[in-house]
Amino acid sequence: MAIEYKKSLAVFTEFVGVEEAENLLQWLLKNPKGKINLATCEHIHAANLQVLMAIKPLVAAWPADEDLQRWLAVLEK
């Protein structure tokens, strides 16, 4: 899995594809105070971005890649 779910943290790794979107949505709905860690994320499918934009979780760590970080800046509250 490209997203590892912990108690209150979802860790995104490398390439997060469209197939992750439904599980991500369910986890965020069940964990409204859950945070996301994007530190090792290299690519995120737009479906996952839409989930993140709708829920607006707290970002615990931003991607190392500056271009991806700028693209995900819409998640900042």
PDB file of N, CA and C in Angstrom:
ATOM      1  N   MET A   1       0.831  -1.193   0.000  1.00  0.00           N
ATOM      2  CA  MET A   1       0.000   0.000   0.000  1.00  0.00           C
ATOM      3  C   MET A   1       0.869   1.247   0.000  1.00  0.00           C
ATOM      4  N   ALA A   2       0.416   2.227  -0.704  1.00  0.00           N
ATOM      5  CA  ALA A   2       1.151   3.484  -0.797  1.00  0.00           C
ATOM      6  C   ALA A   2       0.852   4.407   0.381  1.00  0.00           C
ATOM      7  N   ILE A   3      -0.167   4.062   1.165  1.00  0.00           N
ATOM      8  CA  ILE A   3      -0.473   4.825   2.381  1.00  0.00           C
ATOM      9  C   ILE A   3      -0.506   3.834   3.539  1.00  0.00           C
ATOM     10  N   GLU A   4       0.294   4.116   4.544  1.00  0.00           N
ATOM     11  CA  GLU A   4       0.313   3.285   5.745  1.00  0.00           C
ATOM     12  C   GLU A   4      -0.492   4.025   6.814  1.00  0.00           C
ATOM     13  N   TYR A   5      -1.515   3.363   7.315  1.00  0.00           N
ATOM     14  CA  TYR A   5      -2.388   3.983   8.302  1.00  0.00           C
ATOM     15  C   TYR A   5      -1.973   3.571   9.707  1.00  0.00           C
ATOM     16  N   LYS A   6      -1.718   4.567  10.527  1.00  0.00           N
ATOM     17  CA  LYS A   6      -1.406   4.340  11.929  1.00  0.00           C
ATOM     18  C   LYS A   6      -2.574   4.894  12.739  1.00  0.00           C
ATOM     19  N   LYS A   7      -2.460   4.909  14.044  1.00  0.00           N
ATOM     20  CA  LYS A   7      -3.574   5.341  14.887  1.00  0.00           C
ATOM     21  C   LYS A   7      -4.087   6.731  14.513  1.00  0.00           C
ATOM     22  N   SER A   8      -3.191   7.694  14.407  1.00  0.00           N
ATOM     23  CA  SER A   8      -3.624   9.056  14.102  1.00  0.00           C
ATOM     24  C   SER A   8      -2.784   9.702  13.008  1.00  0.00           C
ATOM     25  N   LEU A   9      -2.139   8.861  12.189  1.00  0.00           N
ATOM     26  CA  LEU A   9      -1.267   9.373  11.130  1.00  0.00           C
ATOM     27  C   LEU A   9      -1.360   8.481   9.900  1.00  0.00           C
ATOM     28  N   ALA A  10      -1.519   9.111   8.754  1.00  0.00           N
ATOM     29  CA  ALA A  10      -1.485   8.400   7.475  1.00  0.00           C
ATOM     30  C   ALA A  10      -0.180   8.800   6.791  1.00  0.00           C
ATOM     31  N   VAL A  11       0.670   7.809   6.526  1.00  0.00           N
ATOM     32  CA  VAL A  11       1.981   8.063   5.943  1.00  0.00           C
ATOM     33  C   VAL A  11       1.942   7.704   4.457  1.00  0.00           C
ATOM     34  N   PHE A  12       2.128   8.710   3.612  1.00  0.00           N
ATOM     35  CA  PHE A  12       2.117   8.530   2.167  1.00  0.00           C
ATOM     36  C   PHE A  12       3.534   8.180   1.718  1.00  0.00           C
ATOM     37  N   THR A  13       3.676   7.125   0.909  1.00  0.00           N
ATOM     38  CA  THR A  13       4.990   6.731   0.429  1.00  0.00           C
ATOM     39  C   THR A  13       5.011   6.685  -1.092  1.00  0.00           C
ATOM     40  N   GLU A  14       6.041   7.191  -1.647  1.00  0.00           N
ATOM     41  CA  GLU A  14       6.317   7.182  -3.082  1.00  0.00           C
ATOM     42  C   GLU A  14       5.125   7.568  -3.940  1.00  0.00           C
ATOM     43  N   PHE A  15       4.531   6.617  -4.662  1.00  0.00           N
ATOM     44  CA  PHE A  15       3.459   6.905  -5.619  1.00  0.00           C
ATOM     45  C   PHE A  15       2.107   6.474  -5.060  1.00  0.00           C
ATOM     46  N   VAL A  16       1.225   7.438  -4.845  1.00  0.00           N
ATOM     47  CA  VAL A  16      -0.102   7.173  -4.292  1.00  0.00           C
ATOM     48  C   VAL A  16      -1.110   7.239  -5.439  1.00  0.00           C
ATOM     49  N   GLY A  17      -1.616   6.076  -5.836  1.00  0.00           N
ATOM     50  CA  GLY A  17      -2.495   5.975  -6.991  1.00  0.00           C
ATOM     51  C   GLY A  17      -3.966   6.152  -6.661  1.00  0.00           C
ATOM     52  N   VAL A  18      -4.764   6.127  -7.696  1.00  0.00           N
ATOM     53  CA  VAL A  18      -6.204   6.339  -7.588  1.00  0.00           C
ATOM     54  C   VAL A  18      -6.859   5.314  -6.670  1.00  0.00           C
ATOM     55  N   GLU A  19      -6.336   4.089  -6.643  1.00  0.00           N
ATOM     56  CA  GLU A  19      -6.943   3.024  -5.841  1.00  0.00           C
ATOM     57  C   GLU A  19      -6.888   3.303  -4.345  1.00  0.00           C
ATOM     58  N   GLU A  20      -6.113   4.278  -3.922  1.00  0.00           N
ATOM     59  CA  GLU A  20      -5.987   4.617  -2.501  1.00  0.00           C
ATOM     60  C   GLU A  20      -7.066   5.593  -2.018  1.00  0.00           C
ATOM     61  N   ALA A  21      -7.748   6.264  -2.926  1.00  0.00           N
ATOM     62  CA  ALA A  21      -8.645   7.362  -2.574  1.00  0.00           C
ATOM     63  C   ALA A  21      -9.782   6.956  -1.630  1.00  0.00           C
ATOM     64  N   GLU A  22     -10.443   5.843  -1.906  1.00  0.00           N
ATOM     65  CA  GLU A  22     -11.577   5.427  -1.073  1.00  0.00           C
ATOM     66  C   GLU A  22     -11.143   5.103   0.349  1.00  0.00           C
ATOM     67  N   ASN A  23     -10.033   4.359   0.494  1.00  0.00           N
ATOM     68  CA  ASN A  23      -9.538   4.039   1.833  1.00  0.00           C
ATOM     69  C   ASN A  23      -9.096   5.298   2.575  1.00  0.00           C
ATOM     70  N   LEU A  24      -8.475   6.213   1.858  1.00  0.00           N
ATOM     71  CA  LEU A  24      -8.054   7.473   2.465  1.00  0.00           C
ATOM     72  C   LEU A  24      -9.265   8.243   2.982  1.00  0.00           C
ATOM     73  N   LEU A  25     -10.289   8.342   2.177  1.00  0.00           N
ATOM     74  CA  LEU A  25     -11.508   9.042   2.592  1.00  0.00           C
ATOM     75  C   LEU A  25     -12.104   8.399   3.841  1.00  0.00           C
ATOM     76  N   GLN A  26     -12.225   7.081   3.835  1.00  0.00           N
ATOM     77  CA  GLN A  26     -12.804   6.384   4.987  1.00  0.00           C
ATOM     78  C   GLN A  26     -11.967   6.602   6.248  1.00  0.00           C
ATOM     79  N   TRP A  27     -10.639   6.532   6.115  1.00  0.00           N
ATOM     80  CA  TRP A  27      -9.766   6.720   7.278  1.00  0.00           C
ATOM     81  C   TRP A  27      -9.898   8.141   7.829  1.00  0.00           C
ATOM     82  N   LEU A  28      -9.925   9.117   6.940  1.00  0.00           N
ATOM     83  CA  LEU A  28     -10.038  10.512   7.396  1.00  0.00           C
ATOM     84  C   LEU A  28     -11.393  10.782   8.053  1.00  0.00           C
ATOM     85  N   LEU A  29     -12.450  10.166   7.551  1.00  0.00           N
ATOM     86  CA  LEU A  29     -13.768  10.340   8.166  1.00  0.00           C
ATOM     87  C   LEU A  29     -13.824   9.696   9.548  1.00  0.00           C
ATOM     88  N   LYS A  30     -13.153   8.561   9.706  1.00  0.00           N
ATOM     89  CA  LYS A  30     -13.117   7.871  11.005  1.00  0.00           C
ATOM     90  C   LYS A  30     -12.125   8.508  11.972  1.00  0.00           C
ATOM     91  N   ASN A  31     -11.174   9.259  11.450  1.00  0.00           N
ATOM     92  CA  ASN A  31     -10.126   9.901  12.254  1.00  0.00           C
ATOM     93  C   ASN A  31     -10.090  11.395  11.946  1.00  0.00           C
ATOM     94  N   PRO A  32     -11.103  12.142  12.375  1.00  0.00           N
ATOM     95  CA  PRO A  32     -11.181  13.557  12.007  1.00  0.00           C
ATOM     96  C   PRO A  32      -9.998  14.402  12.489  1.00  0.00           C
ATOM     97  N   LYS A  33      -9.275  13.929  13.481  1.00  0.00           N
ATOM     98  CA  LYS A  33      -8.088  14.660  13.942  1.00  0.00           C
ATOM     99  C   LYS A  33      -6.805  14.029  13.412  1.00  0.00           C
ATOM    100  N   GLY A  34      -6.956  13.092  12.494  1.00  0.00           N
ATOM    101  CA  GLY A  34      -5.807  12.421  11.903  1.00  0.00           C
ATOM    102  C   GLY A  34      -4.952  13.377  11.088  1.00  0.00           C
ATOM    103  N   LYS A  35      -3.664  13.101  11.062  1.00  0.00           N
ATOM    104  CA  LYS A  35      -2.711  13.922  10.316  1.00  0.00           C
ATOM    105  C   LYS A  35      -2.161  13.093   9.165  1.00  0.00           C
ATOM    106  N   ILE A  36      -1.575  13.804   8.187  1.00  0.00           N
ATOM    107  CA  ILE A  36      -0.948  13.113   7.076  1.00  0.00           C
ATOM    108  C   ILE A  36       0.530  13.478   7.009  1.00  0.00           C
ATOM    109  N   ASN A  37       1.329  12.486   6.637  1.00  0.00           N
ATOM    110  CA  ASN A  37       2.763  12.668   6.488  1.00  0.00           C
ATOM    111  C   ASN A  37       3.087  12.415   5.022  1.00  0.00           C
ATOM    112  N   LEU A  38       3.546  13.454   4.347  1.00  0.00           N
ATOM    113  CA  LEU A  38       3.837  13.370   2.918  1.00  0.00           C
ATOM    114  C   LEU A  38       5.335  13.375   2.627  1.00  0.00           C
ATOM    115  N   ALA A  39       6.164  13.222   3.645  1.00  0.00           N
ATOM    116  CA  ALA A  39       7.614  13.395   3.523  1.00  0.00           C
ATOM    117  C   ALA A  39       8.233  12.558   2.405  1.00  0.00           C
ATOM    118  N   THR A  40       7.806  11.320   2.235  1.00  0.00           N
ATOM    119  CA  THR A  40       8.412  10.473   1.204  1.00  0.00           C
ATOM    120  C   THR A  40       7.517  10.292  -0.026  1.00  0.00           C
ATOM    121  N   CYS A  41       6.458  11.076  -0.100  1.00  0.00           N
ATOM    122  CA  CYS A  41       5.555  11.013  -1.251  1.00  0.00           C
ATOM    123  C   CYS A  41       6.221  11.680  -2.464  1.00  0.00           C
ATOM    124  N   GLU A  42       6.152  10.997  -3.613  1.00  0.00           N
ATOM    125  CA  GLU A  42       6.731  11.524  -4.845  1.00  0.00           C
ATOM    126  C   GLU A  42       5.670  11.891  -5.874  1.00  0.00           C
ATOM    127  N   HIS A  43       4.492  11.288  -5.741  1.00  0.00           N
ATOM    128  CA  HIS A  43       3.389  11.549  -6.673  1.00  0.00           C
ATOM    129  C   HIS A  43       2.087  11.189  -5.973  1.00  0.00           C
ATOM    130  N   ILE A  44       1.080  12.013  -6.198  1.00  0.00           N
ATOM    131  CA  ILE A  44      -0.238  11.720  -5.626  1.00  0.00           C
ATOM    132  C   ILE A  44      -1.283  11.910  -6.722  1.00  0.00           C
ATOM    133  N   HIS A  45      -2.116  10.902  -6.916  1.00  0.00           N
ATOM    134  CA  HIS A  45      -3.165  10.969  -7.931  1.00  0.00           C
ATOM    135  C   HIS A  45      -4.175  12.052  -7.533  1.00  0.00           C
ATOM    136  N   ALA A  46      -4.741  12.699  -8.522  1.00  0.00           N
ATOM    137  CA  ALA A  46      -5.686  13.794  -8.291  1.00  0.00           C
ATOM    138  C   ALA A  46      -6.890  13.374  -7.438  1.00  0.00           C
ATOM    139  N   ALA A  47      -7.299  12.113  -7.504  1.00  0.00           N
ATOM    140  CA  ALA A  47      -8.427  11.645  -6.690  1.00  0.00           C
ATOM    141  C   ALA A  47      -8.108  11.769  -5.204  1.00  0.00           C
ATOM    142  N   ASN A  48      -6.864  11.480  -4.841  1.00  0.00           N
ATOM    143  CA  ASN A  48      -6.445  11.613  -3.446  1.00  0.00           C
ATOM    144  C   ASN A  48      -6.347  13.080  -3.050  1.00  0.00           C
ATOM    145  N   LEU A  49      -5.894  13.904  -3.973  1.00  0.00           N
ATOM    146  CA  LEU A  49      -5.829  15.338  -3.703  1.00  0.00           C
ATOM    147  C   LEU A  49      -7.228  15.892  -3.443  1.00  0.00           C
ATOM    148  N   GLN A  50      -8.208  15.433  -4.195  1.00  0.00           N
ATOM    149  CA  GLN A  50      -9.581  15.874  -3.990  1.00  0.00           C
ATOM    150  C   GLN A  50     -10.083  15.481  -2.606  1.00  0.00           C
ATOM    151  N   VAL A  51      -9.753  14.277  -2.162  1.00  0.00           N
ATOM    152  CA  VAL A  51     -10.135  13.840  -0.818  1.00  0.00           C
ATOM    153  C   VAL A  51      -9.488  14.756   0.219  1.00  0.00           C
ATOM    154  N   LEU A  52      -8.202  15.016   0.047  1.00  0.00           N
ATOM    155  CA  LEU A  52      -7.497  15.872   1.003  1.00  0.00           C
ATOM    156  C   LEU A  52      -8.038  17.296   1.002  1.00  0.00           C
ATOM    157  N   MET A  53      -8.382  17.807  -0.165  1.00  0.00           N
ATOM    158  CA  MET A  53      -8.943  19.163  -0.245  1.00  0.00           C
ATOM    159  C   MET A  53     -10.312  19.237   0.428  1.00  0.00           C
ATOM    160  N   ALA A  54     -11.081  18.173   0.332  1.00  0.00           N
ATOM    161  CA  ALA A  54     -12.423  18.164   0.930  1.00  0.00           C
ATOM    162  C   ALA A  54     -12.348  18.063   2.447  1.00  0.00           C
ATOM    163  N   ILE A  55     -11.449  17.241   2.961  1.00  0.00           N
ATOM    164  CA  ILE A  55     -11.367  16.994   4.397  1.00  0.00           C
ATOM    165  C   ILE A  55     -10.438  17.978   5.108  1.00  0.00           C
ATOM    166  N   LYS A  56      -9.403  18.451   4.424  1.00  0.00           N
ATOM    167  CA  LYS A  56      -8.426  19.402   4.980  1.00  0.00           C
ATOM    168  C   LYS A  56      -7.748  18.890   6.255  1.00  0.00           C
ATOM    169  N   PRO A  57      -7.097  17.724   6.194  1.00  0.00           N
ATOM    170  CA  PRO A  57      -6.405  17.230   7.391  1.00  0.00           C
ATOM    171  C   PRO A  57      -5.144  18.054   7.658  1.00  0.00           C
ATOM    172  N   LEU A  58      -4.643  17.966   8.863  1.00  0.00           N
ATOM    173  CA  LEU A  58      -3.399  18.630   9.228  1.00  0.00           C
ATOM    174  C   LEU A  58      -2.242  17.877   8.579  1.00  0.00           C
ATOM    175  N   VAL A  59      -1.329  18.618   7.969  1.00  0.00           N
ATOM    176  CA  VAL A  59      -0.156  18.012   7.336  1.00  0.00           C
ATOM    177  C   VAL A  59       0.980  18.017   8.349  1.00  0.00           C
ATOM    178  N   ALA A  60       1.406  16.829   8.754  1.00  0.00           N
ATOM    179  CA  ALA A  60       2.488  16.695   9.732  1.00  0.00           C
ATOM    180  C   ALA A  60       3.851  16.870   9.086  1.00  0.00           C
ATOM    181  N   ALA A  61       3.986  16.469   7.820  1.00  0.00           N
ATOM    182  CA  ALA A  61       5.251  16.607   7.097  1.00  0.00           C
ATOM    183  C   ALA A  61       4.954  16.776   5.612  1.00  0.00           C
ATOM    184  N   TRP A  62       5.612  17.749   4.998  1.00  0.00           N
ATOM    185  CA  TRP A  62       5.428  18.036   3.580  1.00  0.00           C
ATOM    186  C   TRP A  62       6.410  17.212   2.753  1.00  0.00           C
ATOM    187  N   PRO A  63       6.123  17.024   1.448  1.00  0.00           N
ATOM    188  CA  PRO A  63       7.036  16.265   0.589  1.00  0.00           C
ATOM    189  C   PRO A  63       8.395  16.964   0.462  1.00  0.00           C
ATOM    190  N   ALA A  64       9.426  16.166   0.279  1.00  0.00           N
ATOM    191  CA  ALA A  64      10.764  16.717   0.064  1.00  0.00           C
ATOM    192  C   ALA A  64      10.844  17.413  -1.295  1.00  0.00           C
ATOM    193  N   ASP A  65      10.121  16.896  -2.268  1.00  0.00           N
ATOM    194  CA  ASP A  65      10.120  17.460  -3.613  1.00  0.00           C
ATOM    195  C   ASP A  65       9.397  18.815  -3.598  1.00  0.00           C
ATOM    196  N   GLU A  66      10.126  19.878  -3.941  1.00  0.00           N
ATOM    197  CA  GLU A  66       9.563  21.230  -3.867  1.00  0.00           C
ATOM    198  C   GLU A  66       8.413  21.459  -4.838  1.00  0.00           C
ATOM    199  N   ASP A  67       8.466  20.852  -6.032  1.00  0.00           N
ATOM    200  CA  ASP A  67       7.375  21.008  -6.993  1.00  0.00           C
ATOM    201  C   ASP A  67       6.090  20.366  -6.456  1.00  0.00           C
ATOM    202  N   LEU A  68       6.220  19.171  -5.916  1.00  0.00           N
ATOM    203  CA  LEU A  68       5.058  18.493  -5.336  1.00  0.00           C
ATOM    204  C   LEU A  68       4.548  19.271  -4.124  1.00  0.00           C
ATOM    205  N   GLN A  69       5.452  19.803  -3.351  1.00  0.00           N
ATOM    206  CA  GLN A  69       5.069  20.586  -2.179  1.00  0.00           C
ATOM    207  C   GLN A  69       4.245  21.808  -2.598  1.00  0.00           C
ATOM    208  N   ARG A  70       4.672  22.488  -3.655  1.00  0.00           N
ATOM    209  CA  ARG A  70       3.908  23.652  -4.146  1.00  0.00           C
ATOM    210  C   ARG A  70       2.536  23.221  -4.652  1.00  0.00           C
ATOM    211  N   TRP A  71       2.478  22.066  -5.318  1.00  0.00           N
ATOM    212  CA  TRP A  71       1.226  21.563  -5.882  1.00  0.00           C
ATOM    213  C   TRP A  71       0.256  21.232  -4.750  1.00  0.00           C
ATOM    214  N   LEU A  72       0.780  20.753  -3.629  1.00  0.00           N
ATOM    215  CA  LEU A  72      -0.055  20.371  -2.487  1.00  0.00           C
ATOM    216  C   LEU A  72      -0.327  21.532  -1.530  1.00  0.00           C
ATOM    217  N   ALA A  73       0.188  22.691  -1.834  1.00  0.00           N
ATOM    218  CA  ALA A  73       0.006  23.850  -0.947  1.00  0.00           C
ATOM    219  C   ALA A  73      -1.466  24.208  -0.761  1.00  0.00           C
ATOM    220  N   VAL A  74      -2.327  23.729  -1.623  1.00  0.00           N
ATOM    221  CA  VAL A  74      -3.764  23.987  -1.470  1.00  0.00           C
ATOM    222  C   VAL A  74      -4.309  23.366  -0.203  1.00  0.00           C
ATOM    223  N   LEU A  75      -3.538  22.476   0.425  1.00  0.00           N
ATOM    224  CA  LEU A  75      -4.001  21.811   1.644  1.00  0.00           C
ATOM    225  C   LEU A  75      -3.812  22.666   2.890  1.00  0.00           C
ATOM    226  N   GLU A  76      -3.024  23.730   2.766  1.00  0.00           N
ATOM    227  CA  GLU A  76      -2.806  24.588   3.924  1.00  0.00           C
ATOM    228  C   GLU A  76      -4.092  25.337   4.258  1.00  0.00           C
ATOM    229  N   LYS A  77      -4.375  25.406   5.521  1.00  0.00           N
ATOM    230  CA  LYS A  77      -5.610  26.076   5.942  1.00  0.00           C
ATOM    231  C   LYS A  77      -5.426  27.564   6.012  1.00  0.00           C
TER     232      LYS A  77
END
